[in-house]
Amino acid sequence: MALRKEKLETYRELLNSRREALVQGLRVATQAAVADEVTYADSIDQASADTDRVLAMKMKSRERDQILQIDEALRRIEQGRFGECERCGEPISEARLKAFVLSTLCIDCKAELESEEHRFPGRA
């Protein structure tokens, strides 16, 4: 059973809101990184600052990945495929979508995939 238009619109608004927050955060972080030209006389302080910068960049990379996932979810809404399992084609439960709106697999296919990954690490 496909999701009703009202539900789809709710998910679209949620996704757009989350996307805008992530984009704004990336914008602020990028501006801060560009403006951060502090150099430290102490090599330990410099190494610590460099490590902090690397960790911040990794976090921002994850946020960029999440923006791409949101864009894909919005495409699925437009194409009428949102809430449909990519693997089996069955509907993804609303409970699962509420818990993780970017879900592309129903709970059964996700469990099966994780089981395969556990049995054959690096394959799936």
N, C-alpha and C. Protein backbone atom coordinates (compact mmCIF):
# COMPACT_ATOMS: atom_id res chain seq x y z
N MET A 1 0.84 -1.18 0.00
CA MET A 1 0.00 0.00 0.00
C MET A 1 0.89 1.25 0.00
N ALA A 2 0.70 2.11 -0.94
CA ALA A 2 1.50 3.33 -1.07
C ALA A 2 1.10 4.33 0.03
N LEU A 3 2.03 5.19 0.35
CA LEU A 3 1.77 6.21 1.36
C LEU A 3 0.81 7.25 0.81
N ARG A 4 -0.04 7.75 1.68
CA ARG A 4 -0.99 8.79 1.28
C ARG A 4 -0.25 10.10 1.02
N LYS A 5 -0.88 10.95 0.22
CA LYS A 5 -0.26 12.23 -0.16
C LYS A 5 0.10 13.08 1.06
N GLU A 6 -0.77 13.06 2.08
CA GLU A 6 -0.51 13.86 3.28
C GLU A 6 0.78 13.37 3.97
N LYS A 7 0.94 12.05 4.05
CA LYS A 7 2.14 11.49 4.68
C LYS A 7 3.38 11.84 3.85
N LEU A 8 3.25 11.69 2.54
CA LEU A 8 4.39 12.02 1.67
C LEU A 8 4.79 13.48 1.84
N GLU A 9 3.81 14.36 1.95
CA GLU A 9 4.11 15.78 2.12
C GLU A 9 4.79 16.02 3.47
N THR A 10 4.38 15.31 4.49
CA THR A 10 5.02 15.41 5.80
C THR A 10 6.48 14.98 5.71
N TYR A 11 6.72 13.86 5.04
CA TYR A 11 8.10 13.39 4.87
C TYR A 11 8.91 14.36 4.03
N ARG A 12 8.31 14.91 2.99
CA ARG A 12 9.01 15.88 2.14
C ARG A 12 9.43 17.10 2.97
N GLU A 13 8.52 17.61 3.79
CA GLU A 13 8.84 18.77 4.63
C GLU A 13 9.94 18.44 5.62
N LEU A 14 9.86 17.27 6.24
CA LEU A 14 10.89 16.84 7.19
C LEU A 14 12.25 16.75 6.51
N LEU A 15 12.28 16.13 5.34
CA LEU A 15 13.54 15.97 4.60
C LEU A 15 14.10 17.32 4.17
N ASN A 16 13.26 18.20 3.66
CA ASN A 16 13.72 19.52 3.25
C ASN A 16 14.25 20.33 4.43
N SER A 17 13.58 20.22 5.56
CA SER A 17 14.00 20.92 6.76
C SER A 17 15.35 20.40 7.25
N ARG A 18 15.50 19.08 7.27
CA ARG A 18 16.77 18.47 7.70
C ARG A 18 17.88 18.85 6.72
N ARG A 19 17.55 18.85 5.43
CA ARG A 19 18.56 19.19 4.41
C ARG A 19 19.03 20.62 4.59
N GLU A 20 18.10 21.54 4.80
CA GLU A 20 18.46 22.94 4.96
C GLU A 20 19.33 23.15 6.19
N ALA A 21 19.03 22.45 7.29
CA ALA A 21 19.84 22.57 8.50
C ALA A 21 21.26 22.05 8.25
N LEU A 22 21.38 20.94 7.54
CA LEU A 22 22.70 20.39 7.23
C LEU A 22 23.49 21.32 6.31
N VAL A 23 22.82 21.84 5.30
CA VAL A 23 23.49 22.75 4.36
C VAL A 23 23.96 24.00 5.09
N GLN A 24 23.12 24.53 5.96
CA GLN A 24 23.50 25.73 6.72
C GLN A 24 24.70 25.42 7.63
N GLY A 25 24.69 24.28 8.28
CA GLY A 25 25.81 23.88 9.13
C GLY A 25 27.10 23.74 8.34
N LEU A 26 27.01 23.15 7.16
CA LEU A 26 28.20 23.02 6.31
C LEU A 26 28.71 24.38 5.87
N ARG A 27 27.79 25.27 5.56
CA ARG A 27 28.17 26.62 5.13
C ARG A 27 28.95 27.33 6.24
N VAL A 28 28.41 27.26 7.46
CA VAL A 28 29.06 27.91 8.60
C VAL A 28 30.43 27.28 8.87
N ALA A 29 30.49 25.93 8.83
CA ALA A 29 31.76 25.23 9.09
C ALA A 29 32.80 25.57 8.03
N THR A 30 32.37 25.68 6.79
CA THR A 30 33.30 26.01 5.71
C THR A 30 33.85 27.42 5.89
N GLN A 31 32.97 28.35 6.24
CA GLN A 31 33.43 29.72 6.47
C GLN A 31 34.40 29.78 7.64
N ALA A 32 34.12 29.03 8.69
CA ALA A 32 35.00 29.01 9.86
C ALA A 32 36.35 28.39 9.51
N ALA A 33 36.34 27.34 8.71
CA ALA A 33 37.59 26.68 8.32
C ALA A 33 38.44 27.60 7.46
N VAL A 34 37.80 28.34 6.57
CA VAL A 34 38.53 29.26 5.70
C VAL A 34 39.13 30.40 6.53
N ALA A 35 38.38 30.87 7.52
CA ALA A 35 38.84 31.99 8.34
C ALA A 35 39.88 31.57 9.38
N ASP A 36 39.98 30.26 9.65
CA ASP A 36 40.89 29.76 10.68
C ASP A 36 42.31 29.64 10.13
N GLU A 37 43.09 30.65 10.40
CA GLU A 37 44.48 30.65 9.94
C GLU A 37 45.43 30.70 11.12
N VAL A 38 44.99 30.19 12.24
CA VAL A 38 45.81 30.23 13.45
C VAL A 38 46.96 29.23 13.32
N THR A 39 48.14 29.67 13.63
CA THR A 39 49.28 28.76 13.72
C THR A 39 49.81 28.86 15.13
N TYR A 40 50.28 27.76 15.61
CA TYR A 40 50.73 27.67 16.99
C TYR A 40 52.25 27.53 17.03
N ALA A 41 52.86 28.20 17.99
CA ALA A 41 54.31 28.10 18.17
C ALA A 41 54.68 26.74 18.73
N ASP A 42 53.80 26.20 19.52
CA ASP A 42 54.02 24.89 20.14
C ASP A 42 53.53 23.80 19.19
N SER A 43 54.39 22.86 18.85
CA SER A 43 54.03 21.81 17.89
C SER A 43 52.93 20.89 18.43
N ILE A 44 52.85 20.72 19.73
CA ILE A 44 51.80 19.88 20.31
C ILE A 44 50.44 20.56 20.14
N ASP A 45 50.40 21.87 20.38
CA ASP A 45 49.15 22.61 20.17
C ASP A 45 48.74 22.58 18.71
N GLN A 46 49.71 22.71 17.82
CA GLN A 46 49.44 22.67 16.38
C GLN A 46 48.89 21.30 15.99
N ALA A 47 49.50 20.24 16.50
CA ALA A 47 49.05 18.88 16.19
C ALA A 47 47.63 18.65 16.72
N SER A 48 47.36 19.16 17.89
CA SER A 48 46.02 19.02 18.46
C SER A 48 44.99 19.77 17.61
N ALA A 49 45.33 20.97 17.19
CA ALA A 49 44.43 21.75 16.32
C ALA A 49 44.22 21.05 14.99
N ASP A 50 45.28 20.49 14.44
CA ASP A 50 45.17 19.76 13.17
C ASP A 50 44.26 18.54 13.32
N THR A 51 44.41 17.83 14.43
CA THR A 51 43.56 16.67 14.69
C THR A 51 42.09 17.09 14.80
N ASP A 52 41.85 18.18 15.50
CA ASP A 52 40.48 18.69 15.62
C ASP A 52 39.90 19.03 14.25
N ARG A 53 40.73 19.63 13.40
CA ARG A 53 40.28 20.00 12.05
C ARG A 53 39.94 18.75 11.23
N VAL A 54 40.77 17.72 11.34
CA VAL A 54 40.52 16.47 10.61
C VAL A 54 39.21 15.84 11.07
N LEU A 55 39.00 15.80 12.37
CA LEU A 55 37.75 15.23 12.90
C LEU A 55 36.54 16.03 12.43
N ALA A 56 36.67 17.34 12.44
CA ALA A 56 35.57 18.19 11.98
C ALA A 56 35.28 17.95 10.50
N MET A 57 36.33 17.76 9.71
CA MET A 57 36.14 17.49 8.28
C MET A 57 35.45 16.15 8.06
N LYS A 58 35.79 15.14 8.87
CA LYS A 58 35.14 13.84 8.75
C LYS A 58 33.66 13.96 9.09
N MET A 59 33.34 14.73 10.12
CA MET A 59 31.94 14.91 10.49
C MET A 59 31.19 15.63 9.37
N LYS A 60 31.81 16.62 8.78
CA LYS A 60 31.17 17.35 7.70
C LYS A 60 31.01 16.47 6.46
N SER A 61 31.94 15.56 6.25
CA SER A 61 31.82 14.62 5.14
C SER A 61 30.60 13.73 5.33
N ARG A 62 30.38 13.27 6.56
CA ARG A 62 29.19 12.47 6.85
C ARG A 62 27.92 13.28 6.61
N GLU A 63 27.96 14.56 6.96
CA GLU A 63 26.80 15.41 6.73
C GLU A 63 26.55 15.59 5.24
N ARG A 64 27.61 15.72 4.45
CA ARG A 64 27.44 15.81 2.98
C ARG A 64 26.82 14.52 2.44
N ASP A 65 27.27 13.38 2.97
CA ASP A 65 26.69 12.10 2.56
C ASP A 65 25.21 12.05 2.91
N GLN A 66 24.86 12.58 4.07
CA GLN A 66 23.45 12.57 4.47
C GLN A 66 22.63 13.48 3.56
N ILE A 67 23.20 14.59 3.13
CA ILE A 67 22.49 15.47 2.18
C ILE A 67 22.21 14.71 0.89
N LEU A 68 23.19 13.95 0.42
CA LEU A 68 22.97 13.14 -0.80
C LEU A 68 21.87 12.11 -0.58
N GLN A 69 21.83 11.50 0.60
CA GLN A 69 20.77 10.53 0.90
C GLN A 69 19.41 11.22 0.94
N ILE A 70 19.37 12.41 1.48
CA ILE A 70 18.11 13.18 1.53
C ILE A 70 17.67 13.52 0.11
N ASP A 71 18.62 13.96 -0.72
CA ASP A 71 18.27 14.28 -2.12
C ASP A 71 17.69 13.05 -2.82
N GLU A 72 18.26 11.89 -2.55
CA GLU A 72 17.76 10.66 -3.16
C GLU A 72 16.35 10.34 -2.64
N ALA A 73 16.13 10.53 -1.36
CA ALA A 73 14.80 10.29 -0.78
C ALA A 73 13.78 11.25 -1.40
N LEU A 74 14.16 12.50 -1.61
CA LEU A 74 13.25 13.46 -2.24
C LEU A 74 12.96 13.05 -3.69
N ARG A 75 13.96 12.51 -4.38
CA ARG A 75 13.73 12.01 -5.75
C ARG A 75 12.72 10.85 -5.73
N ARG A 76 12.89 9.96 -4.74
CA ARG A 76 11.96 8.82 -4.64
C ARG A 76 10.53 9.31 -4.38
N ILE A 77 10.39 10.39 -3.61
CA ILE A 77 9.05 10.95 -3.38
C ILE A 77 8.49 11.43 -4.71
N GLU A 78 9.29 12.18 -5.47
CA GLU A 78 8.84 12.70 -6.77
C GLU A 78 8.48 11.58 -7.74
N GLN A 79 9.21 10.49 -7.68
CA GLN A 79 8.99 9.37 -8.60
C GLN A 79 7.93 8.39 -8.10
N GLY A 80 7.40 8.64 -6.91
CA GLY A 80 6.38 7.75 -6.35
C GLY A 80 6.94 6.45 -5.81
N ARG A 81 8.24 6.43 -5.50
CA ARG A 81 8.87 5.21 -4.98
C ARG A 81 9.26 5.31 -3.51
N PHE A 82 8.99 6.44 -2.88
CA PHE A 82 9.36 6.61 -1.48
C PHE A 82 8.53 5.65 -0.63
N GLY A 83 9.22 4.97 0.30
CA GLY A 83 8.53 4.03 1.16
C GLY A 83 8.42 2.64 0.56
N GLU A 84 9.09 2.44 -0.55
CA GLU A 84 9.11 1.14 -1.23
C GLU A 84 10.50 0.53 -1.08
N CYS A 85 10.57 -0.72 -0.67
CA CYS A 85 11.86 -1.39 -0.46
C CYS A 85 12.58 -1.55 -1.79
N GLU A 86 13.84 -1.14 -1.83
CA GLU A 86 14.65 -1.27 -3.05
C GLU A 86 14.94 -2.72 -3.40
N ARG A 87 14.89 -3.57 -2.41
CA ARG A 87 15.28 -4.96 -2.63
C ARG A 87 14.11 -5.85 -3.05
N CYS A 88 12.99 -5.75 -2.33
CA CYS A 88 11.87 -6.65 -2.60
C CYS A 88 10.67 -5.94 -3.21
N GLY A 89 10.65 -4.61 -3.17
CA GLY A 89 9.54 -3.86 -3.74
C GLY A 89 8.34 -3.70 -2.83
N GLU A 90 8.39 -4.33 -1.67
CA GLU A 90 7.28 -4.24 -0.72
C GLU A 90 7.36 -2.90 0.02
N PRO A 91 6.22 -2.47 0.60
CA PRO A 91 6.24 -1.20 1.36
C PRO A 91 7.12 -1.30 2.60
N ILE A 92 7.78 -0.19 2.91
CA ILE A 92 8.53 -0.06 4.16
C ILE A 92 7.53 0.44 5.19
N SER A 93 7.52 -0.17 6.36
CA SER A 93 6.53 0.21 7.37
C SER A 93 6.70 1.67 7.77
N GLU A 94 5.58 2.30 8.13
CA GLU A 94 5.64 3.70 8.56
C GLU A 94 6.45 3.83 9.84
N ALA A 95 6.40 2.81 10.69
CA ALA A 95 7.20 2.85 11.92
C ALA A 95 8.68 2.93 11.59
N ARG A 96 9.10 2.18 10.59
CA ARG A 96 10.51 2.20 10.18
C ARG A 96 10.86 3.55 9.57
N LEU A 97 9.98 4.10 8.75
CA LEU A 97 10.24 5.41 8.14
C LEU A 97 10.28 6.50 9.20
N LYS A 98 9.43 6.38 10.23
CA LYS A 98 9.46 7.37 11.31
C LYS A 98 10.77 7.28 12.07
N ALA A 99 11.25 6.06 12.27
CA ALA A 99 12.50 5.87 13.00
C ALA A 99 13.71 6.30 12.16
N PHE A 100 13.67 6.01 10.87
CA PHE A 100 14.78 6.35 9.97
C PHE A 100 14.20 6.69 8.61
N VAL A 101 13.94 7.97 8.41
CA VAL A 101 13.23 8.43 7.22
C VAL A 101 14.00 8.14 5.93
N LEU A 102 15.31 7.92 6.02
CA LEU A 102 16.10 7.64 4.82
C LEU A 102 16.15 6.17 4.47
N SER A 103 15.35 5.34 5.15
CA SER A 103 15.34 3.90 4.89
C SER A 103 15.01 3.62 3.43
N THR A 104 15.78 2.69 2.86
CA THR A 104 15.49 2.25 1.49
C THR A 104 15.15 0.77 1.46
N LEU A 105 15.24 0.13 2.64
CA LEU A 105 14.94 -1.29 2.74
C LEU A 105 13.91 -1.53 3.83
N CYS A 106 13.02 -2.49 3.59
CA CYS A 106 12.08 -2.89 4.64
C CYS A 106 12.88 -3.59 5.73
N ILE A 107 12.27 -3.79 6.87
CA ILE A 107 12.99 -4.36 8.00
C ILE A 107 13.48 -5.78 7.70
N ASP A 108 12.68 -6.56 6.97
CA ASP A 108 13.09 -7.93 6.65
C ASP A 108 14.31 -7.95 5.74
N CYS A 109 14.31 -7.12 4.70
CA CYS A 109 15.46 -7.09 3.79
C CYS A 109 16.69 -6.53 4.48
N LYS A 110 16.51 -5.54 5.35
CA LYS A 110 17.65 -4.98 6.09
C LYS A 110 18.26 -6.05 6.99
N ALA A 111 17.41 -6.81 7.69
CA ALA A 111 17.90 -7.87 8.57
C ALA A 111 18.63 -8.94 7.76
N GLU A 112 18.05 -9.28 6.61
CA GLU A 112 18.68 -10.28 5.74
C GLU A 112 20.04 -9.79 5.24
N LEU A 113 20.12 -8.54 4.83
CA LEU A 113 21.37 -7.96 4.36
C LEU A 113 22.42 -7.94 5.47
N GLU A 114 22.01 -7.55 6.67
CA GLU A 114 22.96 -7.54 7.79
C GLU A 114 23.43 -8.95 8.13
N SER A 115 22.54 -9.90 8.00
CA SER A 115 22.91 -11.29 8.25
C SER A 115 23.94 -11.76 7.22
N GLU A 116 23.73 -11.38 5.96
CA GLU A 116 24.69 -11.72 4.90
C GLU A 116 26.03 -11.05 5.15
N GLU A 117 26.01 -9.81 5.59
CA GLU A 117 27.25 -9.09 5.87
C GLU A 117 27.99 -9.73 7.03
N HIS A 118 27.24 -10.24 7.99
CA HIS A 118 27.85 -10.89 9.14
C HIS A 118 28.49 -12.23 8.74
N ARG A 119 27.79 -12.95 7.88
CA ARG A 119 28.32 -14.25 7.43
C ARG A 119 29.48 -14.10 6.46
N PHE A 120 29.38 -13.08 5.58
CA PHE A 120 30.38 -12.87 4.54
C PHE A 120 30.88 -11.43 4.59
N PRO A 121 31.69 -11.07 5.59
CA PRO A 121 32.14 -9.67 5.72
C PRO A 121 32.79 -9.14 4.44
N GLY A 122 32.41 -7.92 4.09
CA GLY A 122 33.01 -7.27 2.93
C GLY A 122 32.35 -7.57 1.62
N ARG A 123 31.35 -8.47 1.60
CA ARG A 123 30.69 -8.84 0.36
C ARG A 123 29.52 -7.96 0.00
N ALA A 124 28.66 -7.66 0.94
CA ALA A 124 27.41 -6.98 0.63
C ALA A 124 27.58 -5.50 0.50
